[in-house]
ModelCIF file with pLDDT and N, C-alpha, C, O atoms, coordinates in Angstrom:
data_MODEL
#
_entry.id   MODEL 
#
_entity.id                         1 
_entity.type                       polymer 
_entity.pdbx_number_of_molecules   1 
#
_entity_poly.entity_id                      1 
_entity_poly.type                           'polypeptide(L)' 
_entity_poly.nstd_linkage                   no 
_entity_poly.nstd_monomer                   no 
_entity_poly.pdbx_seq_one_letter_code       FILKDMGIPFGVTTFVILLMILLYTFEGGVKTIVYTDTLQTTFMLL 
_entity_poly.pdbx_seq_one_letter_code_can   FILKDMGIPFGVTTFVILLMILLYTFEGGVKTIVYTDTLQTTFMLL 
_entity_poly.pdbx_strand_id                 A 
#
loop_
_entity_poly_seq.entity_id 
_entity_poly_seq.num 
_entity_poly_seq.mon_id 
_entity_poly_seq.hetero 
1 1  PHE n 
1 2  ILE n 
1 3  LEU n 
1 4  LYS n 
1 5  ASP n 
1 6  MET n 
1 7  GLY n 
1 8  ILE n 
1 9  PRO n 
1 10 PHE n 
1 11 GLY n 
1 12 VAL n 
1 13 THR n 
1 14 THR n 
1 15 PHE n 
1 16 VAL n 
1 17 ILE n 
1 18 LEU n 
1 19 LEU n 
1 20 MET n 
1 21 ILE n 
1 22 LEU n 
1 23 LEU n 
1 24 TYR n 
1 25 THR n 
1 26 PHE n 
1 27 GLU n 
1 28 GLY n 
1 29 GLY n 
1 30 VAL n 
1 31 LYS n 
1 32 THR n 
1 33 ILE n 
1 34 VAL n 
1 35 TYR n 
1 36 THR n 
1 37 ASP n 
1 38 THR n 
1 39 LEU n 
1 40 GLN n 
1 41 THR n 
1 42 THR n 
1 43 PHE n 
1 44 MET n 
1 45 LEU n 
1 46 LEU n 
#
_struct_asym.id          A 
_struct_asym.entity_id   1 
#
loop_
_ma_qa_metric.id 
_ma_qa_metric.mode 
_ma_qa_metric.name 
_ma_qa_metric.software_group_id 
_ma_qa_metric.type 
1 global pLDDT . pLDDT 
2 local  pLDDT . pLDDT 
#
_ma_qa_metric_global.metric_id      1 
_ma_qa_metric_global.metric_value   75.30 
_ma_qa_metric_global.model_id       1 
_ma_qa_metric_global.ordinal_id     1 
#
loop_
_ma_qa_metric_local.label_asym_id 
_ma_qa_metric_local.label_comp_id 
_ma_qa_metric_local.label_seq_id 
_ma_qa_metric_local.metric_id 
_ma_qa_metric_local.metric_value 
_ma_qa_metric_local.model_id 
_ma_qa_metric_local.ordinal_id 
A PHE 1  2 79.00 1 1  
A ILE 2  2 80.00 1 2  
A LEU 3  2 81.00 1 3  
A LYS 4  2 82.00 1 4  
A ASP 5  2 78.00 1 5  
A MET 6  2 81.00 1 6  
A GLY 7  2 84.00 1 7  
A ILE 8  2 86.00 1 8  
A PRO 9  2 89.00 1 9  
A PHE 10 2 88.00 1 10 
A GLY 11 2 88.00 1 11 
A VAL 12 2 89.00 1 12 
A THR 13 2 85.00 1 13 
A THR 14 2 88.00 1 14 
A PHE 15 2 89.00 1 15 
A VAL 16 2 84.00 1 16 
A ILE 17 2 82.00 1 17 
A LEU 18 2 85.00 1 18 
A LEU 19 2 85.00 1 19 
A MET 20 2 78.00 1 20 
A ILE 21 2 77.00 1 21 
A LEU 22 2 77.00 1 22 
A LEU 23 2 74.00 1 23 
A TYR 24 2 64.00 1 24 
A THR 25 2 62.00 1 25 
A PHE 26 2 59.00 1 26 
A GLU 27 2 53.00 1 27 
A GLY 28 2 47.00 1 28 
A GLY 29 2 48.00 1 29 
A VAL 30 2 54.00 1 30 
A LYS 31 2 57.00 1 31 
A THR 32 2 63.00 1 32 
A ILE 33 2 64.00 1 33 
A VAL 34 2 65.00 1 34 
A TYR 35 2 69.00 1 35 
A THR 36 2 67.00 1 36 
A ASP 37 2 69.00 1 37 
A THR 38 2 73.00 1 38 
A LEU 39 2 74.00 1 39 
A GLN 40 2 73.00 1 40 
A THR 41 2 77.00 1 41 
A THR 42 2 81.00 1 42 
A PHE 43 2 82.00 1 43 
A MET 44 2 82.00 1 44 
A LEU 45 2 85.00 1 45 
A LEU 46 2 87.00 1 46 
#
loop_
_atom_site.group_PDB 
_atom_site.id 
_atom_site.type_symbol 
_atom_site.label_atom_id 
_atom_site.label_alt_id 
_atom_site.label_comp_id 
_atom_site.label_asym_id 
_atom_site.label_entity_id 
_atom_site.label_seq_id 
_atom_site.pdbx_PDB_ins_code 
_atom_site.Cartn_x 
_atom_site.Cartn_y 
_atom_site.Cartn_z 
_atom_site.occupancy 
_atom_site.B_iso_or_equiv 
_atom_site.pdbx_formal_charge 
_atom_site.auth_seq_id 
_atom_site.auth_comp_id 
_atom_site.auth_asym_id 
_atom_site.auth_atom_id 
_atom_site.pdbx_PDB_model_num 
ATOM 1   N N  . PHE A 1 1  ? 33.380 -62.930 -74.458 1.00 79.00 ? 1  PHE A N  1 
ATOM 2   C CA . PHE A 1 1  ? 33.744 -62.294 -73.058 1.00 79.00 ? 1  PHE A CA 1 
ATOM 3   C C  . PHE A 1 1  ? 32.663 -61.145 -72.949 1.00 79.00 ? 1  PHE A C  1 
ATOM 4   O O  . PHE A 1 1  ? 32.259 -60.787 -71.843 1.00 79.00 ? 1  PHE A O  1 
ATOM 5   N N  . ILE A 1 2  ? 32.306 -60.705 -73.858 1.00 80.00 ? 2  ILE A N  1 
ATOM 6   C CA . ILE A 1 2  ? 31.287 -59.460 -73.678 1.00 80.00 ? 2  ILE A CA 1 
ATOM 7   C C  . ILE A 1 2  ? 29.816 -59.541 -74.572 1.00 80.00 ? 2  ILE A C  1 
ATOM 8   O O  . ILE A 1 2  ? 28.663 -59.488 -74.144 1.00 80.00 ? 2  ILE A O  1 
ATOM 9   N N  . LEU A 1 3  ? 30.242 -59.667 -75.773 1.00 81.00 ? 3  LEU A N  1 
ATOM 10  C CA . LEU A 1 3  ? 28.748 -59.405 -76.687 1.00 81.00 ? 3  LEU A CA 1 
ATOM 11  C C  . LEU A 1 3  ? 27.955 -60.855 -76.524 1.00 81.00 ? 3  LEU A C  1 
ATOM 12  O O  . LEU A 1 3  ? 26.726 -60.780 -76.529 1.00 81.00 ? 3  LEU A O  1 
ATOM 13  N N  . LYS A 1 4  ? 28.503 -62.052 -76.392 1.00 82.00 ? 4  LYS A N  1 
ATOM 14  C CA . LYS A 1 4  ? 27.709 -63.271 -76.271 1.00 82.00 ? 4  LYS A CA 1 
ATOM 15  C C  . LYS A 1 4  ? 26.672 -63.178 -75.042 1.00 82.00 ? 4  LYS A C  1 
ATOM 16  O O  . LYS A 1 4  ? 25.616 -63.811 -75.075 1.00 82.00 ? 4  LYS A O  1 
ATOM 17  N N  . ASP A 1 5  ? 27.038 -62.328 -73.922 1.00 78.00 ? 5  ASP A N  1 
ATOM 18  C CA . ASP A 1 5  ? 26.364 -62.323 -73.024 1.00 78.00 ? 5  ASP A CA 1 
ATOM 19  C C  . ASP A 1 5  ? 25.141 -61.545 -73.039 1.00 78.00 ? 5  ASP A C  1 
ATOM 20  O O  . ASP A 1 5  ? 24.199 -61.729 -72.268 1.00 78.00 ? 5  ASP A O  1 
ATOM 21  N N  . MET A 1 6  ? 25.210 -60.414 -74.213 1.00 81.00 ? 6  MET A N  1 
ATOM 22  C CA . MET A 1 6  ? 24.325 -59.277 -74.520 1.00 81.00 ? 6  MET A CA 1 
ATOM 23  C C  . MET A 1 6  ? 23.379 -59.947 -75.679 1.00 81.00 ? 6  MET A C  1 
ATOM 24  O O  . MET A 1 6  ? 22.486 -59.356 -76.287 1.00 81.00 ? 6  MET A O  1 
ATOM 25  N N  . GLY A 1 7  ? 23.790 -61.365 -75.855 1.00 84.00 ? 7  GLY A N  1 
ATOM 26  C CA . GLY A 1 7  ? 22.888 -61.920 -76.848 1.00 84.00 ? 7  GLY A CA 1 
ATOM 27  C C  . GLY A 1 7  ? 22.719 -61.521 -78.005 1.00 84.00 ? 7  GLY A C  1 
ATOM 28  O O  . GLY A 1 7  ? 21.656 -61.491 -78.625 1.00 84.00 ? 7  GLY A O  1 
ATOM 29  N N  . ILE A 1 8  ? 24.411 -60.992 -78.571 1.00 86.00 ? 8  ILE A N  1 
ATOM 30  C CA . ILE A 1 8  ? 24.800 -60.523 -79.972 1.00 86.00 ? 8  ILE A CA 1 
ATOM 31  C C  . ILE A 1 8  ? 25.301 -61.699 -80.702 1.00 86.00 ? 8  ILE A C  1 
ATOM 32  O O  . ILE A 1 8  ? 26.203 -62.270 -80.089 1.00 86.00 ? 8  ILE A O  1 
ATOM 33  N N  . PRO A 1 9  ? 25.012 -62.182 -81.726 1.00 89.00 ? 9  PRO A N  1 
ATOM 34  C CA . PRO A 1 9  ? 25.596 -63.267 -82.605 1.00 89.00 ? 9  PRO A CA 1 
ATOM 35  C C  . PRO A 1 9  ? 26.956 -63.088 -82.849 1.00 89.00 ? 9  PRO A C  1 
ATOM 36  O O  . PRO A 1 9  ? 27.335 -61.936 -82.643 1.00 89.00 ? 9  PRO A O  1 
ATOM 37  N N  . PHE A 1 10 ? 27.990 -64.045 -83.308 1.00 88.00 ? 10 PHE A N  1 
ATOM 38  C CA . PHE A 1 10 ? 29.211 -63.698 -83.672 1.00 88.00 ? 10 PHE A CA 1 
ATOM 39  C C  . PHE A 1 10 ? 28.998 -63.009 -84.846 1.00 88.00 ? 10 PHE A C  1 
ATOM 40  O O  . PHE A 1 10 ? 29.762 -62.049 -84.947 1.00 88.00 ? 10 PHE A O  1 
ATOM 41  N N  . GLY A 1 11 ? 28.235 -63.150 -85.773 1.00 88.00 ? 11 GLY A N  1 
ATOM 42  C CA . GLY A 1 11 ? 28.274 -62.648 -87.478 1.00 88.00 ? 11 GLY A CA 1 
ATOM 43  C C  . GLY A 1 11 ? 27.912 -61.429 -87.230 1.00 88.00 ? 11 GLY A C  1 
ATOM 44  O O  . GLY A 1 11 ? 28.421 -60.638 -88.026 1.00 88.00 ? 11 GLY A O  1 
ATOM 45  N N  . VAL A 1 12 ? 27.043 -60.814 -86.221 1.00 89.00 ? 12 VAL A N  1 
ATOM 46  C CA . VAL A 1 12 ? 26.932 -59.348 -86.033 1.00 89.00 ? 12 VAL A CA 1 
ATOM 47  C C  . VAL A 1 12 ? 28.032 -58.849 -85.487 1.00 89.00 ? 12 VAL A C  1 
ATOM 48  O O  . VAL A 1 12 ? 28.493 -57.820 -85.983 1.00 89.00 ? 12 VAL A O  1 
ATOM 49  N N  . THR A 1 13 ? 28.682 -59.455 -84.367 1.00 85.00 ? 13 THR A N  1 
ATOM 50  C CA . THR A 1 13 ? 29.933 -58.564 -83.680 1.00 85.00 ? 13 THR A CA 1 
ATOM 51  C C  . THR A 1 13 ? 31.118 -58.397 -84.832 1.00 85.00 ? 13 THR A C  1 
ATOM 52  O O  . THR A 1 13 ? 31.872 -57.428 -84.749 1.00 85.00 ? 13 THR A O  1 
ATOM 53  N N  . THR A 1 14 ? 31.261 -59.306 -85.846 1.00 88.00 ? 14 THR A N  1 
ATOM 54  C CA . THR A 1 14 ? 31.819 -59.050 -86.708 1.00 88.00 ? 14 THR A CA 1 
ATOM 55  C C  . THR A 1 14 ? 31.713 -57.891 -87.479 1.00 88.00 ? 14 THR A C  1 
ATOM 56  O O  . THR A 1 14 ? 32.575 -57.019 -87.589 1.00 88.00 ? 14 THR A O  1 
ATOM 57  N N  . PHE A 1 15 ? 30.521 -57.926 -88.053 1.00 89.00 ? 15 PHE A N  1 
ATOM 58  C CA . PHE A 1 15 ? 29.647 -56.826 -88.634 1.00 89.00 ? 15 PHE A CA 1 
ATOM 59  C C  . PHE A 1 15 ? 29.973 -55.457 -88.396 1.00 89.00 ? 15 PHE A C  1 
ATOM 60  O O  . PHE A 1 15 ? 30.520 -54.743 -89.236 1.00 89.00 ? 15 PHE A O  1 
ATOM 61  N N  . VAL A 1 16 ? 29.556 -55.005 -86.977 1.00 84.00 ? 16 VAL A N  1 
ATOM 62  C CA . VAL A 1 16 ? 29.610 -53.766 -86.290 1.00 84.00 ? 16 VAL A CA 1 
ATOM 63  C C  . VAL A 1 16 ? 31.129 -53.592 -86.459 1.00 84.00 ? 16 VAL A C  1 
ATOM 64  O O  . VAL A 1 16 ? 31.539 -52.677 -87.172 1.00 84.00 ? 16 VAL A O  1 
ATOM 65  N N  . ILE A 1 17 ? 31.934 -54.374 -85.875 1.00 82.00 ? 17 ILE A N  1 
ATOM 66  C CA . ILE A 1 17 ? 33.462 -53.959 -85.771 1.00 82.00 ? 17 ILE A CA 1 
ATOM 67  C C  . ILE A 1 17 ? 34.308 -53.574 -87.093 1.00 82.00 ? 17 ILE A C  1 
ATOM 68  O O  . ILE A 1 17 ? 35.193 -52.723 -87.177 1.00 82.00 ? 17 ILE A O  1 
ATOM 69  N N  . LEU A 1 18 ? 33.862 -54.327 -87.988 1.00 85.00 ? 18 LEU A N  1 
ATOM 70  C CA . LEU A 1 18 ? 34.441 -54.066 -89.530 1.00 85.00 ? 18 LEU A CA 1 
ATOM 71  C C  . LEU A 1 18 ? 33.695 -52.796 -89.954 1.00 85.00 ? 18 LEU A C  1 
ATOM 72  O O  . LEU A 1 18 ? 34.302 -52.011 -90.683 1.00 85.00 ? 18 LEU A O  1 
ATOM 73  N N  . LEU A 1 19 ? 32.483 -52.521 -89.586 1.00 85.00 ? 19 LEU A N  1 
ATOM 74  C CA . LEU A 1 19 ? 31.667 -51.189 -89.815 1.00 85.00 ? 19 LEU A CA 1 
ATOM 75  C C  . LEU A 1 19 ? 32.669 -50.087 -89.151 1.00 85.00 ? 19 LEU A C  1 
ATOM 76  O O  . LEU A 1 19 ? 33.012 -49.122 -89.833 1.00 85.00 ? 19 LEU A O  1 
ATOM 77  N N  . MET A 1 20 ? 33.029 -50.207 -88.114 1.00 78.00 ? 20 MET A N  1 
ATOM 78  C CA . MET A 1 20 ? 33.584 -49.216 -87.226 1.00 78.00 ? 20 MET A CA 1 
ATOM 79  C C  . MET A 1 20 ? 34.946 -49.032 -87.920 1.00 78.00 ? 20 MET A C  1 
ATOM 80  O O  . MET A 1 20 ? 35.366 -47.875 -87.956 1.00 78.00 ? 20 MET A O  1 
ATOM 81  N N  . ILE A 1 21 ? 35.620 -49.895 -88.416 1.00 77.00 ? 21 ILE A N  1 
ATOM 82  C CA . ILE A 1 21 ? 36.834 -49.796 -89.001 1.00 77.00 ? 21 ILE A CA 1 
ATOM 83  C C  . ILE A 1 21 ? 36.729 -49.037 -90.517 1.00 77.00 ? 21 ILE A C  1 
ATOM 84  O O  . ILE A 1 21 ? 37.654 -48.420 -91.045 1.00 77.00 ? 21 ILE A O  1 
ATOM 85  N N  . LEU A 1 22 ? 35.537 -49.210 -91.016 1.00 77.00 ? 22 LEU A N  1 
ATOM 86  C CA . LEU A 1 22 ? 35.288 -48.648 -92.476 1.00 77.00 ? 22 LEU A CA 1 
ATOM 87  C C  . LEU A 1 22 ? 35.179 -47.399 -92.000 1.00 77.00 ? 22 LEU A C  1 
ATOM 88  O O  . LEU A 1 22 ? 36.030 -46.673 -92.513 1.00 77.00 ? 22 LEU A O  1 
ATOM 89  N N  . LEU A 1 23 ? 34.683 -47.003 -91.450 1.00 74.00 ? 23 LEU A N  1 
ATOM 90  C CA . LEU A 1 23 ? 33.974 -45.749 -90.952 1.00 74.00 ? 23 LEU A CA 1 
ATOM 91  C C  . LEU A 1 23 ? 35.179 -44.616 -90.803 1.00 74.00 ? 23 LEU A C  1 
ATOM 92  O O  . LEU A 1 23 ? 35.102 -43.543 -91.401 1.00 74.00 ? 23 LEU A O  1 
ATOM 93  N N  . TYR A 1 24 ? 36.283 -44.954 -89.961 1.00 64.00 ? 24 TYR A N  1 
ATOM 94  C CA . TYR A 1 24 ? 37.392 -44.038 -89.621 1.00 64.00 ? 24 TYR A CA 1 
ATOM 95  C C  . TYR A 1 24 ? 38.466 -44.030 -91.097 1.00 64.00 ? 24 TYR A C  1 
ATOM 96  O O  . TYR A 1 24 ? 38.916 -42.976 -91.545 1.00 64.00 ? 24 TYR A O  1 
ATOM 97  N N  . THR A 1 25 ? 38.656 -44.921 -91.503 1.00 62.00 ? 25 THR A N  1 
ATOM 98  C CA . THR A 1 25 ? 39.587 -45.328 -92.589 1.00 62.00 ? 25 THR A CA 1 
ATOM 99  C C  . THR A 1 25 ? 38.985 -44.887 -94.220 1.00 62.00 ? 25 THR A C  1 
ATOM 100 O O  . THR A 1 25 ? 39.632 -45.075 -95.251 1.00 62.00 ? 25 THR A O  1 
ATOM 101 N N  . PHE A 1 26 ? 37.562 -44.248 -94.153 1.00 59.00 ? 26 PHE A N  1 
ATOM 102 C CA . PHE A 1 26 ? 37.001 -44.055 -95.403 1.00 59.00 ? 26 PHE A CA 1 
ATOM 103 C C  . PHE A 1 26 ? 37.379 -43.119 -96.238 1.00 59.00 ? 26 PHE A C  1 
ATOM 104 O O  . PHE A 1 26 ? 37.360 -43.175 -97.467 1.00 59.00 ? 26 PHE A O  1 
ATOM 105 N N  . GLU A 1 27 ? 37.856 -41.923 -95.303 1.00 53.00 ? 27 GLU A N  1 
ATOM 106 C CA . GLU A 1 27 ? 38.429 -40.825 -96.259 1.00 53.00 ? 27 GLU A CA 1 
ATOM 107 C C  . GLU A 1 27 ? 39.800 -40.480 -95.940 1.00 53.00 ? 27 GLU A C  1 
ATOM 108 O O  . GLU A 1 27 ? 40.357 -39.946 -96.899 1.00 53.00 ? 27 GLU A O  1 
ATOM 109 N N  . GLY A 1 28 ? 40.429 -40.589 -95.052 1.00 47.00 ? 28 GLY A N  1 
ATOM 110 C CA . GLY A 1 28 ? 41.838 -40.297 -94.635 1.00 47.00 ? 28 GLY A CA 1 
ATOM 111 C C  . GLY A 1 28 ? 42.859 -41.342 -95.188 1.00 47.00 ? 28 GLY A C  1 
ATOM 112 O O  . GLY A 1 28 ? 43.962 -41.040 -95.643 1.00 47.00 ? 28 GLY A O  1 
ATOM 113 N N  . GLY A 1 29 ? 42.384 -42.539 -95.098 1.00 48.00 ? 29 GLY A N  1 
ATOM 114 C CA . GLY A 1 29 ? 43.376 -43.521 -95.452 1.00 48.00 ? 29 GLY A CA 1 
ATOM 115 C C  . GLY A 1 29 ? 44.841 -43.513 -94.612 1.00 48.00 ? 29 GLY A C  1 
ATOM 116 O O  . GLY A 1 29 ? 44.888 -43.439 -93.385 1.00 48.00 ? 29 GLY A O  1 
ATOM 117 N N  . VAL A 1 30 ? 45.780 -43.583 -95.301 1.00 54.00 ? 30 VAL A N  1 
ATOM 118 C CA . VAL A 1 30 ? 47.278 -43.504 -94.618 1.00 54.00 ? 30 VAL A CA 1 
ATOM 119 C C  . VAL A 1 30 ? 47.529 -42.016 -93.642 1.00 54.00 ? 30 VAL A C  1 
ATOM 120 O O  . VAL A 1 30 ? 48.097 -41.946 -92.552 1.00 54.00 ? 30 VAL A O  1 
ATOM 121 N N  . LYS A 1 31 ? 47.049 -41.165 -94.253 1.00 57.00 ? 31 LYS A N  1 
ATOM 122 C CA . LYS A 1 31 ? 47.070 -39.847 -93.942 1.00 57.00 ? 31 LYS A CA 1 
ATOM 123 C C  . LYS A 1 31 ? 46.346 -39.995 -92.113 1.00 57.00 ? 31 LYS A C  1 
ATOM 124 O O  . LYS A 1 31 ? 46.867 -39.669 -91.046 1.00 57.00 ? 31 LYS A O  1 
ATOM 125 N N  . THR A 1 32 ? 45.224 -40.508 -92.353 1.00 63.00 ? 32 THR A N  1 
ATOM 126 C CA . THR A 1 32 ? 44.388 -40.952 -90.748 1.00 63.00 ? 32 THR A CA 1 
ATOM 127 C C  . THR A 1 32 ? 45.405 -42.114 -90.002 1.00 63.00 ? 32 THR A C  1 
ATOM 128 O O  . THR A 1 32 ? 45.796 -42.004 -88.841 1.00 63.00 ? 32 THR A O  1 
ATOM 129 N N  . ILE A 1 33 ? 45.687 -43.046 -90.750 1.00 64.00 ? 33 ILE A N  1 
ATOM 130 C CA . ILE A 1 33 ? 46.061 -43.957 -89.718 1.00 64.00 ? 33 ILE A CA 1 
ATOM 131 C C  . ILE A 1 33 ? 47.554 -43.754 -89.204 1.00 64.00 ? 33 ILE A C  1 
ATOM 132 O O  . ILE A 1 33 ? 47.999 -44.520 -88.349 1.00 64.00 ? 33 ILE A O  1 
ATOM 133 N N  . VAL A 1 34 ? 48.075 -43.058 -89.555 1.00 65.00 ? 34 VAL A N  1 
ATOM 134 C CA . VAL A 1 34 ? 49.361 -42.779 -89.162 1.00 65.00 ? 34 VAL A CA 1 
ATOM 135 C C  . VAL A 1 34 ? 49.426 -42.047 -87.933 1.00 65.00 ? 34 VAL A C  1 
ATOM 136 O O  . VAL A 1 34 ? 50.421 -42.095 -87.209 1.00 65.00 ? 34 VAL A O  1 
ATOM 137 N N  . TYR A 1 35 ? 48.360 -41.340 -87.656 1.00 69.00 ? 35 TYR A N  1 
ATOM 138 C CA . TYR A 1 35 ? 47.726 -40.684 -86.300 1.00 69.00 ? 35 TYR A CA 1 
ATOM 139 C C  . TYR A 1 35 ? 47.147 -41.719 -85.489 1.00 69.00 ? 35 TYR A C  1 
ATOM 140 O O  . TYR A 1 35 ? 47.620 -41.965 -84.379 1.00 69.00 ? 35 TYR A O  1 
ATOM 141 N N  . THR A 1 36 ? 45.987 -42.459 -86.034 1.00 67.00 ? 36 THR A N  1 
ATOM 142 C CA . THR A 1 36 ? 45.328 -43.412 -85.182 1.00 67.00 ? 36 THR A CA 1 
ATOM 143 C C  . THR A 1 36 ? 45.942 -44.634 -84.570 1.00 67.00 ? 36 THR A C  1 
ATOM 144 O O  . THR A 1 36 ? 45.521 -45.254 -83.593 1.00 67.00 ? 36 THR A O  1 
ATOM 145 N N  . ASP A 1 37 ? 47.355 -44.966 -85.539 1.00 69.00 ? 37 ASP A N  1 
ATOM 146 C CA . ASP A 1 37 ? 48.044 -46.182 -85.186 1.00 69.00 ? 37 ASP A CA 1 
ATOM 147 C C  . ASP A 1 37 ? 48.886 -45.706 -83.855 1.00 69.00 ? 37 ASP A C  1 
ATOM 148 O O  . ASP A 1 37 ? 49.084 -46.485 -82.923 1.00 69.00 ? 37 ASP A O  1 
ATOM 149 N N  . THR A 1 38 ? 49.367 -44.335 -83.859 1.00 73.00 ? 38 THR A N  1 
ATOM 150 C CA . THR A 1 38 ? 50.078 -43.638 -82.882 1.00 73.00 ? 38 THR A CA 1 
ATOM 151 C C  . THR A 1 38 ? 49.269 -43.789 -81.627 1.00 73.00 ? 38 THR A C  1 
ATOM 152 O O  . THR A 1 38 ? 49.802 -44.347 -80.667 1.00 73.00 ? 38 THR A O  1 
ATOM 153 N N  . LEU A 1 39 ? 48.118 -43.379 -81.540 1.00 74.00 ? 39 LEU A N  1 
ATOM 154 C CA . LEU A 1 39 ? 47.289 -43.141 -80.298 1.00 74.00 ? 39 LEU A CA 1 
ATOM 155 C C  . LEU A 1 39 ? 47.195 -45.027 -79.935 1.00 74.00 ? 39 LEU A C  1 
ATOM 156 O O  . LEU A 1 39 ? 47.495 -45.452 -78.820 1.00 74.00 ? 39 LEU A O  1 
ATOM 157 N N  . GLN A 1 40 ? 46.861 -45.708 -80.768 1.00 73.00 ? 40 GLN A N  1 
ATOM 158 C CA . GLN A 1 40 ? 46.617 -47.104 -80.697 1.00 73.00 ? 40 GLN A CA 1 
ATOM 159 C C  . GLN A 1 40 ? 47.805 -47.709 -79.935 1.00 73.00 ? 40 GLN A C  1 
ATOM 160 O O  . GLN A 1 40 ? 47.717 -48.284 -78.851 1.00 73.00 ? 40 GLN A O  1 
ATOM 161 N N  . THR A 1 41 ? 48.946 -47.502 -80.652 1.00 77.00 ? 41 THR A N  1 
ATOM 162 C CA . THR A 1 41 ? 50.048 -48.336 -79.944 1.00 77.00 ? 41 THR A CA 1 
ATOM 163 C C  . THR A 1 41 ? 50.230 -47.990 -78.580 1.00 77.00 ? 41 THR A C  1 
ATOM 164 O O  . THR A 1 41 ? 50.489 -48.854 -77.741 1.00 77.00 ? 41 THR A O  1 
ATOM 165 N N  . THR A 1 42 ? 50.084 -46.497 -78.231 1.00 81.00 ? 42 THR A N  1 
ATOM 166 C CA . THR A 1 42 ? 50.271 -46.109 -76.946 1.00 81.00 ? 42 THR A CA 1 
ATOM 167 C C  . THR A 1 42 ? 49.269 -46.793 -76.061 1.00 81.00 ? 42 THR A C  1 
ATOM 168 O O  . THR A 1 42 ? 49.748 -47.085 -74.965 1.00 81.00 ? 42 THR A O  1 
ATOM 169 N N  . PHE A 1 43 ? 48.115 -47.102 -76.216 1.00 82.00 ? 43 PHE A N  1 
ATOM 170 C CA . PHE A 1 43 ? 47.402 -47.587 -75.241 1.00 82.00 ? 43 PHE A CA 1 
ATOM 171 C C  . PHE A 1 43 ? 47.726 -49.184 -75.164 1.00 82.00 ? 43 PHE A C  1 
ATOM 172 O O  . PHE A 1 43 ? 47.481 -49.831 -74.146 1.00 82.00 ? 43 PHE A O  1 
ATOM 173 N N  . MET A 1 44 ? 48.293 -49.754 -76.324 1.00 82.00 ? 44 MET A N  1 
ATOM 174 C CA . MET A 1 44 ? 48.525 -51.227 -76.369 1.00 82.00 ? 44 MET A CA 1 
ATOM 175 C C  . MET A 1 44 ? 49.663 -51.299 -75.258 1.00 82.00 ? 44 MET A C  1 
ATOM 176 O O  . MET A 1 44 ? 49.665 -52.042 -74.276 1.00 82.00 ? 44 MET A O  1 
ATOM 177 N N  . LEU A 1 45 ? 50.654 -50.345 -75.633 1.00 85.00 ? 45 LEU A N  1 
ATOM 178 C CA . LEU A 1 45 ? 51.780 -50.715 -74.579 1.00 85.00 ? 45 LEU A CA 1 
ATOM 179 C C  . LEU A 1 45 ? 51.381 -50.356 -73.283 1.00 85.00 ? 45 LEU A C  1 
ATOM 180 O O  . LEU A 1 45 ? 51.699 -51.200 -72.445 1.00 85.00 ? 45 LEU A O  1 
ATOM 181 N N  . LEU A 1 46 ? 50.723 -49.272 -72.803 1.00 87.00 ? 46 LEU A N  1 
ATOM 182 C CA . LEU A 1 46 ? 50.275 -49.157 -71.502 1.00 87.00 ? 46 LEU A CA 1 
ATOM 183 C C  . LEU A 1 46 ? 49.677 -50.232 -70.809 1.00 87.00 ? 46 LEU A C  1 
ATOM 184 O O  . LEU A 1 46 ? 49.293 -50.082 -69.650 1.00 87.00 ? 46 LEU A O  1 
#
């Protein structure tokens, strides 16, 4: 619904999203995830 129309292949889409996840979990691990999950749960329920 988004990236295909921009001419981006599925493999590239997957790589970019995994890179995003890797970047923000790389150092903090569980300590970071406790806070990011709280933020994300709020947006999901909204």
